[in-house]
Amino acid sequence: MRPVLLHCCCAPCSSAIIEWMLQNEWQPILYYYNPNIFPEEEYVIRKNECTKYAQRLGLEIIDGDYDHNSWREAIAGLEQEPERGKRCLQCFKIRMKAAAKMAHERGIERFATTLASSRWKNLEQINEAGAEAAADYEDVEFWDKNWRKGGLQERRNILLKENGFYNQLYCGCEFSIYSSGKNESTNS
């Protein structure tokens, strides 16, 4: 199996991608790095859910540092941007740069992100951030596969229910909470 570093945002978005990778001779090494998530309790819930799923599958998961204050500093001035705007692009760049660096440090030639599975995200922004991050390293490439196609979105929904995953109603940052009008999360 070929190794790939998979940046994961949450268990629901990760599950179908992980399943596809394993069925197609890829060995995902999961990287949970999401300093954008707010509040910290939400971060912990999502991280724990992803970790439990990885452990159940016997997969390695790398826990990135949670530093929401640094993330806030990096997006300063973009707080009022709409969803899918400049703030989101900057957020993707922060996380993809960390993923590319981790892939480089671990000697993994390819990395991808589960952010690309969400229909709520701008795929062009994600691919831009991933390509820019990979350009920092000669030995790393960003896998810009469209994880929304090939039945993966439907499979995600099935796995969400089968596993009883915690399913959040907003991207993760405090700005997405308020712009979505969904101030609370639920299990689905």
Protein backbone atom coordinates (compact mmCIF):
# COMPACT_ATOMS: atom_id res chain seq x y z
CA MET A 1 0.00 0.00 0.00
CA ARG A 2 1.19 3.50 -0.84
CA PRO A 3 1.24 6.02 2.03
CA VAL A 4 -0.70 9.26 1.86
CA LEU A 5 -1.06 11.93 4.53
CA LEU A 6 -4.75 12.73 4.88
CA HIS A 7 -5.58 16.00 6.60
CA CYS A 8 -8.86 15.32 8.41
CA CYS A 9 -11.41 17.88 9.54
CA CYS A 10 -13.87 15.45 11.17
CA ALA A 11 -14.90 11.79 11.19
CA PRO A 12 -17.98 12.17 8.96
CA CYS A 13 -16.01 13.88 6.18
CA SER A 14 -13.08 11.47 6.57
CA SER A 15 -14.87 8.12 6.63
CA ALA A 16 -15.75 7.56 2.96
CA ILE A 17 -12.39 8.91 1.81
CA ILE A 18 -10.52 6.61 4.18
CA GLU A 19 -12.62 3.66 3.03
CA TRP A 20 -11.95 4.50 -0.64
CA MET A 21 -8.22 4.85 -0.01
CA LEU A 22 -7.98 1.51 1.76
CA GLN A 23 -9.93 -0.19 -1.05
CA ASN A 24 -7.58 1.36 -3.64
CA GLU A 25 -4.22 0.40 -2.15
CA TRP A 26 -3.56 3.66 -0.30
CA GLN A 27 -2.45 3.70 3.33
CA PRO A 28 -3.82 6.90 4.89
CA ILE A 29 -1.92 8.43 7.77
CA LEU A 30 -4.42 10.80 9.32
CA TYR A 31 -3.43 14.30 10.35
CA TYR A 32 -5.85 16.17 12.57
CA TYR A 33 -4.88 19.83 12.44
CA ASN A 34 -7.72 22.31 12.81
CA PRO A 35 -6.83 25.37 14.90
CA ASN A 36 -9.83 27.16 13.39
CA ILE A 37 -12.37 25.14 15.37
CA PHE A 38 -14.17 27.04 18.07
CA PRO A 39 -14.89 26.63 20.93
CA GLU A 40 -12.15 24.30 22.19
CA GLU A 41 -14.79 21.84 23.43
CA GLU A 42 -15.99 21.48 19.82
CA TYR A 43 -12.41 20.88 18.72
CA VAL A 44 -11.98 18.12 21.30
CA ILE A 45 -15.25 16.42 20.33
CA ARG A 46 -14.30 16.36 16.64
CA LYS A 47 -10.73 15.24 17.35
CA ASN A 48 -11.88 12.44 19.66
CA GLU A 49 -14.42 11.21 17.12
CA CYS A 50 -11.76 11.12 14.40
CA THR A 51 -9.27 9.42 16.73
CA LYS A 52 -11.74 6.71 17.76
CA TYR A 53 -12.53 5.98 14.12
CA ALA A 54 -8.83 5.79 13.20
CA GLN A 55 -8.15 3.44 16.10
CA ARG A 56 -11.07 1.21 15.13
CA LEU A 57 -9.53 0.89 11.65
CA GLY A 58 -5.98 0.45 12.97
CA LEU A 59 -4.78 3.66 11.33
CA GLU A 60 -2.18 6.07 12.60
CA ILE A 61 -3.47 9.51 13.52
CA ILE A 62 -1.22 12.49 14.14
CA ASP A 63 -2.60 15.11 16.50
CA GLY A 64 -1.66 18.62 15.36
CA ASP A 65 -1.42 21.37 17.92
CA TYR A 66 -4.53 23.36 18.74
CA ASP A 67 -3.60 27.04 18.75
CA HIS A 68 -6.72 29.03 18.06
CA ASN A 69 -5.09 32.32 19.05
CA SER A 70 -2.42 31.96 16.34
CA TRP A 71 -5.13 31.06 13.83
CA ARG A 72 -7.06 34.21 14.81
CA GLU A 73 -3.94 36.30 14.30
CA ALA A 74 -3.39 34.74 10.85
CA ILE A 75 -6.92 35.62 9.69
CA ALA A 76 -6.99 39.06 11.31
CA GLY A 77 -8.81 41.56 9.13
CA LEU A 78 -10.85 38.84 7.41
CA GLU A 79 -13.38 38.25 10.18
CA GLN A 80 -16.24 39.88 8.25
CA GLU A 81 -15.60 37.96 5.05
CA PRO A 82 -18.49 35.76 3.93
CA GLU A 83 -18.31 31.98 3.95
CA ARG A 84 -16.25 30.83 0.94
CA GLY A 85 -14.51 34.21 0.94
CA LYS A 86 -10.94 35.32 1.68
CA ARG A 87 -11.08 34.16 5.32
CA CYS A 88 -11.81 30.58 4.24
CA LEU A 89 -8.99 30.63 1.69
CA GLN A 90 -6.56 31.87 4.35
CA CYS A 91 -7.79 29.17 6.75
CA PHE A 92 -7.24 26.48 4.11
CA LYS A 93 -3.75 27.82 3.43
CA ILE A 94 -2.84 27.61 7.12
CA ARG A 95 -3.97 24.01 7.39
CA MET A 96 -2.56 22.87 4.05
CA LYS A 97 0.84 24.39 4.83
CA ALA A 98 0.88 22.40 8.07
CA ALA A 99 -0.15 19.23 6.22
CA ALA A 100 2.52 19.68 3.54
CA LYS A 101 5.14 20.27 6.22
CA MET A 102 4.04 17.14 8.10
CA ALA A 103 4.13 15.07 4.91
CA HIS A 104 7.63 16.37 4.17
CA GLU A 105 8.85 15.65 7.72
CA ARG A 106 7.43 12.11 7.60
CA GLY A 107 8.77 11.39 4.10
CA ILE A 108 5.27 10.98 2.63
CA GLU A 109 5.18 12.09 -1.00
CA ARG A 110 1.46 12.84 -1.29
CA PHE A 111 -1.11 14.59 0.88
CA ALA A 112 -4.81 15.27 0.56
CA THR A 113 -7.55 16.81 2.66
CA THR A 114 -11.05 15.82 3.64
CA LEU A 115 -12.02 19.49 3.33
CA ALA A 116 -12.40 18.72 -0.38
CA SER A 117 -15.34 16.42 0.38
CA SER A 118 -17.65 19.11 1.72
CA ARG A 119 -20.16 20.64 -0.65
CA TRP A 120 -20.10 23.70 1.63
CA LYS A 121 -16.46 24.43 0.75
CA ASN A 122 -15.04 26.04 -2.37
CA LEU A 123 -13.04 23.29 -4.08
CA GLU A 124 -10.99 25.79 -6.08
CA GLN A 125 -9.86 27.48 -2.86
CA ILE A 126 -8.89 24.14 -1.32
CA ASN A 127 -6.93 23.13 -4.40
CA GLU A 128 -5.21 26.51 -4.53
CA ALA A 129 -4.19 26.22 -0.88
CA GLY A 130 -2.99 22.64 -1.33
CA ALA A 131 -0.95 23.39 -4.45
CA GLU A 132 0.61 26.46 -2.82
CA ALA A 133 1.55 24.43 0.25
CA ALA A 134 3.05 21.60 -1.80
CA ALA A 135 5.14 24.09 -3.78
CA ASP A 136 7.14 24.73 -0.59
CA TYR A 137 8.61 21.20 -0.83
CA GLU A 138 10.21 19.41 -3.77
CA ASP A 139 9.31 16.00 -2.36
CA VAL A 140 5.60 16.57 -1.67
CA GLU A 141 2.59 16.82 -3.96
CA PHE A 142 -0.99 17.76 -3.22
CA TRP A 143 -3.62 15.26 -4.35
CA ASP A 144 -6.42 17.42 -5.72
CA LYS A 145 -8.90 14.58 -6.19
CA ASN A 146 -12.54 15.63 -6.12
CA TRP A 147 -13.77 13.57 -3.16
CA ARG A 148 -17.38 14.61 -3.84
CA LYS A 149 -17.69 12.36 -6.88
CA GLY A 150 -17.92 8.63 -7.45
CA GLY A 151 -20.60 8.08 -4.82
CA LEU A 152 -18.40 9.24 -1.96
CA GLN A 153 -20.88 11.87 -0.75
CA GLU A 154 -23.62 9.25 -0.52
CA ARG A 155 -21.23 6.79 1.15
CA ARG A 156 -20.28 9.49 3.67
CA ASN A 157 -23.92 9.83 4.69
CA ILE A 158 -24.29 6.06 5.07
CA LEU A 159 -21.13 5.77 7.18
CA LEU A 160 -22.23 8.72 9.31
CA LYS A 161 -25.40 6.84 10.26
CA GLU A 162 -23.78 3.40 10.56
CA ASN A 163 -21.11 4.73 12.93
CA GLY A 164 -23.33 7.18 14.82
CA PHE A 165 -20.76 9.91 14.24
CA TYR A 166 -21.14 13.28 15.89
CA ASN A 167 -22.19 15.55 13.03
CA GLN A 168 -21.60 19.26 13.32
CA LEU A 169 -23.71 21.91 11.64
CA TYR A 170 -20.98 24.47 10.94
CA CYS A 171 -17.48 24.54 9.50
CA GLY A 172 -15.73 25.07 12.78
CA CYS A 173 -14.75 28.67 13.34
CA GLU A 174 -16.79 31.15 15.30
CA PHE A 175 -17.49 33.13 12.15
CA SER A 176 -19.07 30.15 10.43
CA ILE A 177 -21.31 29.55 13.45
CA TYR A 178 -22.78 33.01 13.25
CA SER A 179 -23.01 33.22 9.47
CA SER A 180 -24.73 29.83 9.24
CA GLY A 181 -27.35 30.80 11.81
CA LYS A 182 -26.75 27.41 13.43
CA ASN A 183 -25.47 28.05 16.90
CA GLU A 184 -25.60 24.47 18.12
CA SER A 185 -24.48 21.05 16.98
CA THR A 186 -26.45 17.82 16.99
CA ASN A 187 -25.92 14.14 16.50
CA SER A 188 -27.32 12.79 13.27
